[in-house]
């Protein structure tokens, strides 16, 4: 995700914003950069470990994967306009609807 070099050049407010964006808490005191850097560098490995231990999200079984393939085939592909609306929604933005 991030290299230590990329994180070390950031300020504490920038590191705090990154942690907030991803919902990660600093390790130790929030007054030190190393607390944020440690958390940001460690969370990908912790995430994989949690999946292996069966905590939180779990890998779906083969039958579920087949089911989702069928659903995706049934839904089809969005038009350019539908894809644009989906992207705007995922960004958390709102549009003025035509009257």
Protein backbone atom coordinates (compact mmCIF):
# COMPACT_ATOMS: atom_id res chain seq x y z
CA UNK A 1 0.00 0.00 0.00
CA UNK A 2 2.48 2.61 1.19
CA UNK A 3 6.24 2.63 1.53
CA UNK A 4 7.85 3.95 4.67
CA UNK A 5 9.54 6.66 2.59
CA UNK A 6 6.18 7.85 1.22
CA UNK A 7 4.75 8.09 4.71
CA UNK A 8 7.76 9.64 6.43
CA UNK A 9 7.65 12.75 4.22
CA UNK A 10 4.03 13.41 5.21
CA UNK A 11 3.06 15.69 8.08
CA UNK A 12 1.09 14.50 11.10
CA UNK A 13 -2.15 16.09 9.75
CA UNK A 14 -1.63 14.33 6.39
CA UNK A 15 -1.01 11.00 8.12
CA UNK A 16 -4.03 11.56 10.38
CA UNK A 17 -6.19 12.23 7.30
CA UNK A 18 -4.98 9.01 5.65
CA UNK A 19 -5.83 7.03 8.78
CA UNK A 20 -9.26 8.64 8.96
CA UNK A 21 -9.90 7.91 5.28
CA UNK A 22 -9.26 4.22 5.84
CA UNK A 23 -10.74 4.01 9.35
CA UNK A 24 -7.41 3.10 10.96
CA UNK A 25 -6.41 4.14 14.48
CA UNK A 26 -2.84 5.21 15.22
CA UNK A 27 -0.72 2.77 17.20
CA UNK A 28 0.26 4.55 20.41
CA UNK A 29 0.14 8.31 20.83
CA UNK A 30 -1.47 10.39 18.09
CA UNK A 31 1.17 13.06 18.75
CA UNK A 32 3.88 11.07 16.95
CA UNK A 33 4.26 10.33 13.24
CA UNK A 34 5.52 6.83 13.96
CA UNK A 35 2.13 5.92 15.49
CA UNK A 36 0.39 6.66 12.19
CA UNK A 37 3.14 5.18 10.01
CA UNK A 38 3.12 1.91 11.96
CA UNK A 39 -0.65 1.53 11.57
CA UNK A 40 -0.66 2.43 7.88
CA UNK A 41 2.14 0.00 7.08
CA UNK A 42 0.76 -2.86 9.17
CA UNK A 43 -2.94 -2.89 8.28
CA UNK A 44 -2.69 -4.82 4.97
CA UNK A 45 -0.92 -7.73 6.70
CA UNK A 46 -3.30 -7.60 9.65
CA UNK A 47 -6.23 -7.73 7.24
CA UNK A 48 -4.92 -10.86 5.52
CA UNK A 49 -4.23 -12.49 8.88
CA UNK A 50 -7.82 -11.78 10.01
CA UNK A 51 -9.23 -13.38 6.84
CA UNK A 52 -7.05 -16.48 7.38
CA UNK A 53 -8.33 -16.70 10.97
CA UNK A 54 -11.94 -16.47 9.79
CA UNK A 55 -12.60 -13.12 11.45
CA UNK A 56 -14.66 -10.48 9.67
CA UNK A 57 -14.95 -11.04 5.92
CA UNK A 58 -14.56 -14.59 4.70
CA UNK A 59 -13.74 -16.04 1.30
CA UNK A 60 -16.92 -17.17 -0.46
CA UNK A 61 -17.38 -20.80 -1.41
CA UNK A 62 -17.47 -22.03 -5.00
CA UNK A 63 -21.28 -22.21 -5.12
CA UNK A 64 -21.56 -18.58 -4.02
CA UNK A 65 -19.07 -17.52 -6.70
CA UNK A 66 -21.14 -19.35 -9.33
CA UNK A 67 -24.28 -17.65 -8.02
CA UNK A 68 -22.69 -14.20 -8.32
CA UNK A 69 -21.50 -14.99 -11.85
CA UNK A 70 -25.12 -15.70 -12.75
CA UNK A 71 -26.30 -12.47 -11.14
CA UNK A 72 -23.67 -10.45 -13.01
CA UNK A 73 -24.66 -12.08 -16.29
CA UNK A 74 -28.32 -11.27 -15.57
CA UNK A 75 -27.63 -7.63 -14.67
CA UNK A 76 -25.64 -7.03 -17.86
CA UNK A 77 -23.32 -4.03 -18.34
CA UNK A 78 -24.23 -0.41 -17.58
CA UNK A 79 -24.50 2.22 -20.26
CA UNK A 80 -22.01 5.09 -20.11
CA UNK A 81 -24.61 7.28 -18.39
CA UNK A 82 -25.47 4.57 -15.83
CA UNK A 83 -21.76 4.04 -15.11
CA UNK A 84 -21.32 7.80 -14.57
CA UNK A 85 -24.21 7.87 -12.07
CA UNK A 86 -22.76 4.88 -10.22
CA UNK A 87 -19.35 6.62 -10.01
CA UNK A 88 -20.90 9.82 -8.66
CA UNK A 89 -22.85 7.82 -6.07
CA UNK A 90 -19.72 5.93 -4.97
CA UNK A 91 -17.95 9.27 -4.50
CA UNK A 92 -20.74 10.32 -2.12
CA UNK A 93 -21.77 13.24 -4.31
CA UNK A 94 -25.31 14.30 -5.10
CA UNK A 95 -26.72 15.75 -8.26
CA UNK A 96 -29.61 18.11 -8.83
CA UNK A 97 -32.32 16.05 -10.46
CA UNK A 98 -34.06 17.45 -13.53
CA UNK A 99 -37.62 18.59 -12.95
